[in-house]
Amino acid sequence: MDYLIVSDTHGDRQILTDIVAHYKGKVRAMFYNGDSELQRSDELFDTLLPVIGNMDDDPVFPDDRNYEDESVKIYQTHGHLVHTEISLNQLREVASHKDVDVVTSGHTHMLGAEKIDGKLFINPGSISLPKGPYAYLKGTYAILSVEPKKFIVQFYTRDLQPVPGLKFEFDR
């Protein structure tokens, strides 16, 4: 089962339109981790599961989300409310009280995937304004593949292509 995770478009609606069109019907769920600068009523959010970011002004967006299906339990947030720009410590604390397999956030504009305290933490990076060592890719998102004994995280570029060397496997 595959899940799309994207974040931080900062008004670049077209890239979200392209991603949704490409993956609709191909993934189980699509998570949008905040800072779209769009309204919650935008039709894109009929497909994407959004949370609010610090640059979103529509209070209808939730602060966070707990998602569960028969394959995986996911906690989703943007990250600004737990200051992920400083460290993952507050997010780790929040996640420690949740019965989830995966924690996904955005906010820092830097991609990452790592297992901490038995949970997989994923930040897809920013699809429009990336920072950090992978900023040269000009934007990234992630696909999480959930298998019975492992998680696979593959990062992709704005042109919907997998990034060689940015595919990671984690035991469940």
N, C-alpha and C. Protein backbone atom coordinates (compact mmCIF):
# COMPACT_ATOMS: atom_id res chain seq x y z
N MET A 1 0.84 -1.17 0.00
CA MET A 1 0.00 0.00 0.00
C MET A 1 0.89 1.24 0.00
N ASP A 2 0.59 2.20 -0.87
CA ASP A 2 1.38 3.42 -1.00
C ASP A 2 0.60 4.64 -0.52
N TYR A 3 1.36 5.59 0.05
CA TYR A 3 0.80 6.84 0.58
C TYR A 3 1.68 7.98 0.10
N LEU A 4 1.06 9.04 -0.39
CA LEU A 4 1.79 10.22 -0.85
C LEU A 4 1.86 11.24 0.28
N ILE A 5 3.02 11.86 0.45
CA ILE A 5 3.22 12.89 1.46
C ILE A 5 3.87 14.09 0.79
N VAL A 6 3.21 15.24 0.85
CA VAL A 6 3.72 16.46 0.21
C VAL A 6 3.48 17.64 1.15
N SER A 7 4.30 18.67 1.03
CA SER A 7 4.19 19.80 1.95
C SER A 7 4.75 21.07 1.34
N ASP A 8 4.36 22.18 1.92
CA ASP A 8 4.99 23.49 1.71
C ASP A 8 5.05 23.92 0.24
N THR A 9 3.87 24.05 -0.37
CA THR A 9 3.81 24.57 -1.75
C THR A 9 3.86 26.09 -1.78
N HIS A 10 3.45 26.73 -0.71
CA HIS A 10 3.48 28.19 -0.60
C HIS A 10 2.87 28.88 -1.84
N GLY A 11 1.64 28.49 -2.15
CA GLY A 11 0.90 29.15 -3.22
C GLY A 11 1.07 28.55 -4.60
N ASP A 12 1.96 27.59 -4.75
CA ASP A 12 2.18 26.94 -6.04
C ASP A 12 1.10 25.87 -6.24
N ARG A 13 -0.09 26.31 -6.60
CA ARG A 13 -1.23 25.40 -6.75
C ARG A 13 -1.01 24.41 -7.89
N GLN A 14 -0.33 24.83 -8.95
CA GLN A 14 -0.17 23.97 -10.12
C GLN A 14 0.56 22.68 -9.80
N ILE A 15 1.59 22.74 -8.96
CA ILE A 15 2.32 21.51 -8.65
C ILE A 15 1.43 20.54 -7.88
N LEU A 16 0.57 21.07 -7.01
CA LEU A 16 -0.37 20.18 -6.31
C LEU A 16 -1.37 19.56 -7.28
N THR A 17 -1.84 20.36 -8.22
CA THR A 17 -2.75 19.84 -9.24
C THR A 17 -2.10 18.72 -10.03
N ASP A 18 -0.85 18.91 -10.43
CA ASP A 18 -0.11 17.90 -11.18
C ASP A 18 0.07 16.61 -10.37
N ILE A 19 0.46 16.76 -9.12
CA ILE A 19 0.70 15.59 -8.27
C ILE A 19 -0.60 14.82 -8.02
N VAL A 20 -1.67 15.54 -7.69
CA VAL A 20 -2.95 14.87 -7.44
C VAL A 20 -3.42 14.15 -8.69
N ALA A 21 -3.32 14.79 -9.85
CA ALA A 21 -3.75 14.15 -11.10
C ALA A 21 -2.94 12.89 -11.38
N HIS A 22 -1.64 12.95 -11.10
CA HIS A 22 -0.76 11.80 -11.38
C HIS A 22 -1.04 10.62 -10.44
N TYR A 23 -1.31 10.90 -9.17
CA TYR A 23 -1.42 9.83 -8.18
C TYR A 23 -2.84 9.41 -7.83
N LYS A 24 -3.84 10.15 -8.28
CA LYS A 24 -5.22 9.82 -7.94
C LYS A 24 -5.52 8.40 -8.41
N GLY A 25 -6.00 7.57 -7.49
CA GLY A 25 -6.30 6.18 -7.81
C GLY A 25 -5.10 5.25 -7.75
N LYS A 26 -3.92 5.80 -7.53
CA LYS A 26 -2.70 4.98 -7.48
C LYS A 26 -2.15 4.82 -6.06
N VAL A 27 -2.60 5.67 -5.13
CA VAL A 27 -2.16 5.60 -3.74
C VAL A 27 -3.38 5.51 -2.84
N ARG A 28 -3.16 4.99 -1.65
CA ARG A 28 -4.26 4.81 -0.71
C ARG A 28 -4.75 6.14 -0.13
N ALA A 29 -3.81 7.04 0.17
CA ALA A 29 -4.15 8.35 0.72
C ALA A 29 -3.06 9.35 0.34
N MET A 30 -3.45 10.62 0.29
CA MET A 30 -2.51 11.71 -0.01
C MET A 30 -2.55 12.71 1.14
N PHE A 31 -1.40 12.87 1.79
CA PHE A 31 -1.29 13.77 2.93
C PHE A 31 -0.64 15.08 2.49
N TYR A 32 -1.28 16.20 2.89
CA TYR A 32 -0.70 17.52 2.63
C TYR A 32 -0.36 18.15 3.97
N ASN A 33 0.93 18.38 4.21
CA ASN A 33 1.42 18.77 5.54
C ASN A 33 1.53 20.27 5.77
N GLY A 34 0.72 21.07 5.12
CA GLY A 34 0.60 22.48 5.47
C GLY A 34 1.42 23.44 4.63
N ASP A 35 1.07 24.71 4.81
CA ASP A 35 1.65 25.84 4.07
C ASP A 35 1.34 25.78 2.57
N SER A 36 0.06 25.57 2.29
CA SER A 36 -0.39 25.66 0.89
C SER A 36 -0.66 27.11 0.52
N GLU A 37 -1.10 27.90 1.51
CA GLU A 37 -1.57 29.27 1.31
C GLU A 37 -2.84 29.29 0.45
N LEU A 38 -3.55 28.16 0.43
CA LEU A 38 -4.84 28.04 -0.24
C LEU A 38 -5.93 27.96 0.83
N GLN A 39 -7.17 28.04 0.42
CA GLN A 39 -8.29 27.89 1.33
C GLN A 39 -8.68 26.42 1.45
N ARG A 40 -9.19 26.04 2.59
CA ARG A 40 -9.61 24.65 2.81
C ARG A 40 -10.69 24.24 1.81
N SER A 41 -11.44 25.19 1.32
CA SER A 41 -12.51 24.90 0.36
C SER A 41 -11.99 24.59 -1.04
N ASP A 42 -10.70 24.76 -1.30
CA ASP A 42 -10.14 24.45 -2.61
C ASP A 42 -10.40 22.98 -2.94
N GLU A 43 -10.83 22.71 -4.15
CA GLU A 43 -11.18 21.34 -4.55
C GLU A 43 -10.02 20.34 -4.42
N LEU A 44 -8.80 20.81 -4.41
CA LEU A 44 -7.66 19.91 -4.21
C LEU A 44 -7.77 19.16 -2.88
N PHE A 45 -8.37 19.82 -1.88
CA PHE A 45 -8.47 19.21 -0.56
C PHE A 45 -9.65 18.25 -0.45
N ASP A 46 -10.33 18.01 -1.58
CA ASP A 46 -11.29 16.90 -1.65
C ASP A 46 -10.51 15.59 -1.73
N THR A 47 -9.29 15.66 -2.24
CA THR A 47 -8.44 14.48 -2.41
C THR A 47 -7.32 14.44 -1.38
N LEU A 48 -6.68 15.57 -1.13
CA LEU A 48 -5.58 15.66 -0.18
C LEU A 48 -6.10 15.76 1.25
N LEU A 49 -5.40 15.13 2.19
CA LEU A 49 -5.71 15.26 3.62
C LEU A 49 -4.79 16.33 4.20
N PRO A 50 -5.31 17.54 4.42
CA PRO A 50 -4.44 18.64 4.85
C PRO A 50 -4.41 18.86 6.35
N VAL A 51 -3.34 19.51 6.80
CA VAL A 51 -3.26 20.11 8.13
C VAL A 51 -2.81 21.56 7.92
N ILE A 52 -3.01 22.37 8.93
CA ILE A 52 -2.66 23.79 8.82
C ILE A 52 -1.16 24.00 9.01
N GLY A 53 -0.64 24.94 8.24
CA GLY A 53 0.74 25.37 8.41
C GLY A 53 0.78 26.78 8.94
N ASN A 54 1.93 27.26 9.32
CA ASN A 54 2.05 28.61 9.87
C ASN A 54 1.77 29.69 8.85
N MET A 55 1.77 29.37 7.56
CA MET A 55 1.48 30.35 6.51
C MET A 55 0.06 30.20 5.96
N ASP A 56 -0.72 29.32 6.54
CA ASP A 56 -2.12 29.15 6.14
C ASP A 56 -3.00 30.00 7.04
N ASP A 57 -4.00 30.66 6.44
CA ASP A 57 -4.84 31.52 7.26
C ASP A 57 -6.29 31.05 7.35
N ASP A 58 -6.60 29.86 6.84
CA ASP A 58 -7.95 29.33 6.92
C ASP A 58 -8.05 28.45 8.17
N PRO A 59 -8.78 28.89 9.19
CA PRO A 59 -8.83 28.14 10.45
C PRO A 59 -9.58 26.81 10.34
N VAL A 60 -10.15 26.51 9.19
CA VAL A 60 -10.86 25.25 9.00
C VAL A 60 -9.87 24.07 8.91
N PHE A 61 -8.63 24.34 8.51
CA PHE A 61 -7.63 23.28 8.49
C PHE A 61 -7.40 22.78 9.92
N PRO A 62 -7.29 21.46 10.12
CA PRO A 62 -6.98 20.96 11.46
C PRO A 62 -5.50 21.17 11.79
N ASP A 63 -5.19 21.24 13.09
CA ASP A 63 -3.80 21.36 13.54
C ASP A 63 -3.01 20.10 13.22
N ASP A 64 -3.66 18.95 13.36
CA ASP A 64 -3.01 17.68 13.12
C ASP A 64 -4.07 16.65 12.76
N ARG A 65 -3.62 15.42 12.48
CA ARG A 65 -4.55 14.37 12.08
C ARG A 65 -3.98 13.01 12.49
N ASN A 66 -4.87 12.16 12.95
CA ASN A 66 -4.56 10.76 13.16
C ASN A 66 -5.27 9.99 12.05
N TYR A 67 -4.52 9.20 11.32
CA TYR A 67 -5.06 8.42 10.20
C TYR A 67 -4.76 6.95 10.46
N GLU A 68 -5.74 6.10 10.16
CA GLU A 68 -5.52 4.68 10.34
C GLU A 68 -6.30 3.91 9.29
N ASP A 69 -5.66 2.91 8.72
CA ASP A 69 -6.34 1.91 7.90
C ASP A 69 -5.77 0.56 8.28
N GLU A 70 -6.10 -0.48 7.55
CA GLU A 70 -5.65 -1.82 7.95
C GLU A 70 -4.14 -2.02 7.80
N SER A 71 -3.45 -1.11 7.10
CA SER A 71 -2.01 -1.26 6.86
C SER A 71 -1.12 -0.44 7.78
N VAL A 72 -1.60 0.73 8.22
CA VAL A 72 -0.71 1.66 8.90
C VAL A 72 -1.50 2.65 9.75
N LYS A 73 -0.83 3.18 10.79
CA LYS A 73 -1.35 4.27 11.61
C LYS A 73 -0.38 5.44 11.46
N ILE A 74 -0.91 6.60 11.06
CA ILE A 74 -0.09 7.76 10.76
C ILE A 74 -0.56 8.96 11.58
N TYR A 75 0.40 9.68 12.15
CA TYR A 75 0.13 10.98 12.78
C TYR A 75 0.71 12.05 11.87
N GLN A 76 -0.09 13.05 11.54
CA GLN A 76 0.30 14.10 10.60
C GLN A 76 0.18 15.47 11.25
N THR A 77 1.20 16.30 11.07
CA THR A 77 1.17 17.68 11.52
C THR A 77 2.11 18.49 10.63
N HIS A 78 2.00 19.81 10.69
CA HIS A 78 2.92 20.64 9.92
C HIS A 78 4.27 20.71 10.61
N GLY A 79 4.25 21.00 11.91
CA GLY A 79 5.49 21.05 12.68
C GLY A 79 5.70 22.36 13.41
N HIS A 80 5.06 23.43 12.96
CA HIS A 80 5.29 24.72 13.60
C HIS A 80 4.78 24.77 15.04
N LEU A 81 3.74 24.03 15.35
CA LEU A 81 3.18 24.05 16.70
C LEU A 81 4.05 23.28 17.70
N VAL A 82 4.97 22.47 17.18
CA VAL A 82 5.91 21.74 18.04
C VAL A 82 7.36 22.10 17.71
N HIS A 83 7.53 23.20 17.01
CA HIS A 83 8.84 23.81 16.76
C HIS A 83 9.86 22.86 16.16
N THR A 84 9.47 22.17 15.08
CA THR A 84 10.41 21.27 14.41
C THR A 84 11.56 22.03 13.75
N GLU A 85 11.43 23.34 13.62
CA GLU A 85 12.54 24.12 13.08
C GLU A 85 13.73 24.15 14.04
N ILE A 86 13.46 23.85 15.30
CA ILE A 86 14.52 23.80 16.32
C ILE A 86 15.03 22.37 16.48
N SER A 87 14.11 21.44 16.69
CA SER A 87 14.47 20.03 16.84
C SER A 87 13.19 19.19 16.74
N LEU A 88 13.35 17.89 16.72
CA LEU A 88 12.21 16.99 16.72
C LEU A 88 11.75 16.61 18.13
N ASN A 89 12.34 17.19 19.16
CA ASN A 89 12.06 16.78 20.53
C ASN A 89 10.59 16.91 20.91
N GLN A 90 9.95 18.05 20.62
CA GLN A 90 8.55 18.22 20.99
C GLN A 90 7.66 17.30 20.15
N LEU A 91 7.98 17.12 18.89
CA LEU A 91 7.21 16.21 18.05
C LEU A 91 7.35 14.78 18.55
N ARG A 92 8.55 14.40 18.95
CA ARG A 92 8.78 13.08 19.53
C ARG A 92 7.94 12.88 20.79
N GLU A 93 7.87 13.91 21.61
CA GLU A 93 7.08 13.83 22.84
C GLU A 93 5.59 13.64 22.52
N VAL A 94 5.07 14.41 21.59
CA VAL A 94 3.67 14.25 21.18
C VAL A 94 3.44 12.85 20.63
N ALA A 95 4.33 12.41 19.76
CA ALA A 95 4.19 11.09 19.11
C ALA A 95 4.30 9.95 20.12
N SER A 96 5.05 10.16 21.19
CA SER A 96 5.24 9.09 22.18
C SER A 96 3.93 8.70 22.85
N HIS A 97 2.95 9.58 22.82
CA HIS A 97 1.65 9.33 23.44
C HIS A 97 0.62 8.83 22.43
N LYS A 98 1.07 8.56 21.22
CA LYS A 98 0.15 8.13 20.17
C LYS A 98 0.51 6.71 19.71
N ASP A 99 -0.51 5.94 19.47
CA ASP A 99 -0.33 4.58 18.96
C ASP A 99 -0.27 4.67 17.43
N VAL A 100 0.90 5.06 16.92
CA VAL A 100 1.08 5.21 15.47
C VAL A 100 2.39 4.55 15.04
N ASP A 101 2.45 4.25 13.75
CA ASP A 101 3.65 3.68 13.15
C ASP A 101 4.53 4.76 12.52
N VAL A 102 3.86 5.79 11.97
CA VAL A 102 4.52 6.81 11.17
C VAL A 102 4.10 8.19 11.66
N VAL A 103 5.07 9.11 11.71
CA VAL A 103 4.83 10.51 12.05
C VAL A 103 5.32 11.33 10.87
N THR A 104 4.44 12.16 10.32
CA THR A 104 4.84 12.95 9.17
C THR A 104 4.60 14.43 9.43
N SER A 105 5.55 15.25 8.98
CA SER A 105 5.49 16.69 9.21
C SER A 105 6.09 17.41 8.01
N GLY A 106 6.11 18.71 8.07
CA GLY A 106 6.71 19.55 7.04
C GLY A 106 7.48 20.66 7.73
N HIS A 107 7.20 21.92 7.36
CA HIS A 107 7.66 23.13 8.03
C HIS A 107 9.13 23.48 7.80
N THR A 108 10.04 22.56 7.92
CA THR A 108 11.46 22.89 7.81
C THR A 108 11.94 23.01 6.37
N HIS A 109 11.15 22.51 5.42
CA HIS A 109 11.51 22.50 3.99
C HIS A 109 12.70 21.59 3.70
N MET A 110 13.06 20.73 4.65
CA MET A 110 14.17 19.81 4.47
C MET A 110 13.66 18.37 4.58
N LEU A 111 13.95 17.60 3.55
CA LEU A 111 13.48 16.21 3.55
C LEU A 111 14.22 15.37 4.56
N GLY A 112 13.55 14.33 5.02
CA GLY A 112 14.18 13.41 5.95
C GLY A 112 13.29 12.21 6.23
N ALA A 113 13.91 11.10 6.55
CA ALA A 113 13.21 9.89 6.98
C ALA A 113 14.11 9.16 7.96
N GLU A 114 13.61 8.96 9.17
CA GLU A 114 14.41 8.25 10.16
C GLU A 114 13.50 7.60 11.18
N LYS A 115 13.97 6.51 11.73
CA LYS A 115 13.23 5.80 12.76
C LYS A 115 13.72 6.31 14.11
N ILE A 116 12.75 6.77 14.93
CA ILE A 116 13.05 7.30 16.25
C ILE A 116 12.04 6.71 17.22
N ASP A 117 12.51 6.17 18.31
CA ASP A 117 11.62 5.62 19.33
C ASP A 117 10.63 4.61 18.76
N GLY A 118 11.06 3.85 17.76
CA GLY A 118 10.20 2.83 17.17
C GLY A 118 9.18 3.33 16.18
N LYS A 119 9.21 4.62 15.87
CA LYS A 119 8.28 5.21 14.90
C LYS A 119 9.07 5.79 13.73
N LEU A 120 8.50 5.72 12.54
CA LEU A 120 9.13 6.29 11.36
C LEU A 120 8.70 7.74 11.21
N PHE A 121 9.66 8.67 11.23
CA PHE A 121 9.41 10.09 11.05
C PHE A 121 9.76 10.46 9.61
N ILE A 122 8.82 11.10 8.91
CA ILE A 122 9.04 11.49 7.51
C ILE A 122 8.72 12.96 7.34
N ASN A 123 9.65 13.69 6.75
CA ASN A 123 9.40 15.04 6.27
C ASN A 123 9.67 15.00 4.77
N PRO A 124 8.66 15.30 3.94
CA PRO A 124 8.85 15.20 2.49
C PRO A 124 9.69 16.33 1.91
N GLY A 125 10.06 17.30 2.74
CA GLY A 125 10.71 18.50 2.23
C GLY A 125 9.65 19.42 1.66
N SER A 126 10.07 20.47 1.02
CA SER A 126 9.13 21.40 0.38
C SER A 126 9.12 21.13 -1.12
N ILE A 127 7.93 21.04 -1.68
CA ILE A 127 7.81 20.82 -3.12
C ILE A 127 8.14 22.10 -3.90
N SER A 128 8.11 23.26 -3.24
CA SER A 128 8.31 24.53 -3.95
C SER A 128 9.50 25.35 -3.48
N LEU A 129 9.84 25.28 -2.19
CA LEU A 129 10.91 26.11 -1.64
C LEU A 129 11.85 25.27 -0.77
N PRO A 130 12.55 24.31 -1.36
CA PRO A 130 13.37 23.40 -0.55
C PRO A 130 14.57 24.10 0.08
N LYS A 131 15.00 23.56 1.21
CA LYS A 131 16.19 24.04 1.91
C LYS A 131 17.09 22.86 2.22
N GLY A 132 18.28 23.15 2.64
CA GLY A 132 19.19 22.11 3.08
C GLY A 132 19.96 21.46 1.94
N PRO A 133 20.58 20.33 2.22
CA PRO A 133 21.48 19.69 1.25
C PRO A 133 20.82 19.25 -0.05
N TYR A 134 19.49 19.10 -0.04
CA TYR A 134 18.81 18.64 -1.25
C TYR A 134 18.03 19.77 -1.94
N ALA A 135 18.31 21.01 -1.58
CA ALA A 135 17.62 22.14 -2.20
C ALA A 135 17.86 22.18 -3.71
N TYR A 136 19.00 21.68 -4.16
CA TYR A 136 19.32 21.68 -5.60
C TYR A 136 18.31 20.86 -6.41
N LEU A 137 17.54 20.00 -5.75
CA LEU A 137 16.53 19.20 -6.46
C LEU A 137 15.31 20.05 -6.86
N LYS A 138 15.21 21.25 -6.31
CA LYS A 138 14.15 22.22 -6.63
C LYS A 138 12.76 21.80 -6.15
N GLY A 139 12.71 20.90 -5.17
CA GLY A 139 11.45 20.50 -4.57
C GLY A 139 11.30 18.99 -4.53
N THR A 140 10.75 18.50 -3.39
CA THR A 140 10.58 17.07 -3.22
C THR A 140 9.26 16.75 -2.52
N TYR A 141 8.83 15.52 -2.72
CA TYR A 141 7.74 14.92 -1.96
C TYR A 141 8.12 13.46 -1.74
N ALA A 142 7.32 12.74 -0.97
CA ALA A 142 7.67 11.35 -0.64
C ALA A 142 6.50 10.42 -0.91
N ILE A 143 6.86 9.19 -1.26
CA ILE A 143 5.91 8.09 -1.30
C ILE A 143 6.34 7.09 -0.24
N LEU A 144 5.41 6.77 0.66
CA LEU A 144 5.62 5.76 1.68
C LEU A 144 4.96 4.48 1.20
N SER A 145 5.74 3.43 1.05
CA SER A 145 5.21 2.11 0.72
C SER A 145 5.20 1.28 1.99
N VAL A 146 4.05 0.74 2.32
CA VAL A 146 3.88 -0.04 3.54
C VAL A 146 3.75 -1.51 3.16
N GLU A 147 4.69 -2.29 3.66
CA GLU A 147 4.68 -3.73 3.45
C GLU A 147 4.56 -4.41 4.82
N PRO A 148 4.23 -5.69 4.85
CA PRO A 148 4.01 -6.35 6.15
C PRO A 148 5.19 -6.23 7.12
N LYS A 149 6.42 -6.28 6.62
CA LYS A 149 7.58 -6.27 7.52
C LYS A 149 8.48 -5.05 7.36
N LYS A 150 8.12 -4.14 6.43
CA LYS A 150 8.99 -2.97 6.26
C LYS A 150 8.24 -1.78 5.68
N PHE A 151 8.85 -0.63 5.88
CA PHE A 151 8.43 0.62 5.26
C PHE A 151 9.49 0.99 4.23
N ILE A 152 9.06 1.52 3.10
CA ILE A 152 9.98 2.04 2.10
C ILE A 152 9.59 3.49 1.84
N VAL A 153 10.55 4.40 1.93
CA VAL A 153 10.31 5.81 1.65
C VAL A 153 11.15 6.18 0.43
N GLN A 154 10.48 6.62 -0.62
CA GLN A 154 11.15 7.08 -1.84
C GLN A 154 10.81 8.55 -2.02
N PHE A 155 11.83 9.38 -2.18
CA PHE A 155 11.62 10.79 -2.45
C PHE A 155 11.59 11.03 -3.96
N TYR A 156 10.77 11.99 -4.37
CA TYR A 156 10.56 12.33 -5.78
C TYR A 156 10.75 13.82 -5.99
N THR A 157 11.03 14.19 -7.23
CA THR A 157 11.20 15.59 -7.61
C THR A 157 9.90 16.15 -8.19
N ARG A 158 9.90 17.44 -8.44
CA ARG A 158 8.73 18.13 -9.01
C ARG A 158 8.29 17.54 -10.34
N ASP A 159 9.20 16.92 -11.08
CA ASP A 159 8.81 16.32 -12.35
C ASP A 159 8.36 14.88 -12.19
N LEU A 160 8.00 14.51 -10.93
CA LEU A 160 7.38 13.22 -10.62
C LEU A 160 8.32 12.04 -10.82
N GLN A 161 9.62 12.30 -10.72
CA GLN A 161 10.63 11.26 -10.91
C GLN A 161 11.30 10.91 -9.58
N PRO A 162 11.55 9.61 -9.35
CA PRO A 162 12.24 9.22 -8.12
C PRO A 162 13.67 9.77 -8.11
N VAL A 163 14.13 10.14 -6.93
CA VAL A 163 15.49 10.65 -6.77
C VAL A 163 16.41 9.46 -6.50
N PRO A 164 17.35 9.17 -7.40
CA PRO A 164 18.30 8.08 -7.14
C PRO A 164 19.05 8.34 -5.83
N GLY A 165 19.19 7.32 -5.03
CA GLY A 165 19.91 7.46 -3.77
C GLY A 165 19.07 7.95 -2.61
N LEU A 166 17.81 8.34 -2.88
CA LEU A 166 16.93 8.79 -1.81
C LEU A 166 15.75 7.85 -1.65
N LYS A 167 16.09 6.58 -1.49
CA LYS A 167 15.12 5.52 -1.21
C LYS A 167 15.62 4.80 0.04
N PHE A 168 14.75 4.72 1.05
CA PHE A 168 15.17 4.19 2.34
C PHE A 168 14.19 3.11 2.80
N GLU A 169 14.75 2.04 3.39
CA GLU A 169 13.93 0.95 3.93
C GLU A 169 14.11 0.89 5.45
N PHE A 170 13.00 0.63 6.13
CA PHE A 170 12.99 0.55 7.58
C PHE A 170 12.18 -0.68 7.99
N ASP A 171 12.68 -1.43 8.96
CA ASP A 171 11.90 -2.53 9.51
C ASP A 171 10.69 -1.97 10.25
N ARG A 172 9.61 -2.74 10.21
CA ARG A 172 8.40 -2.33 10.94
C ARG A 172 8.48 -2.74 12.39
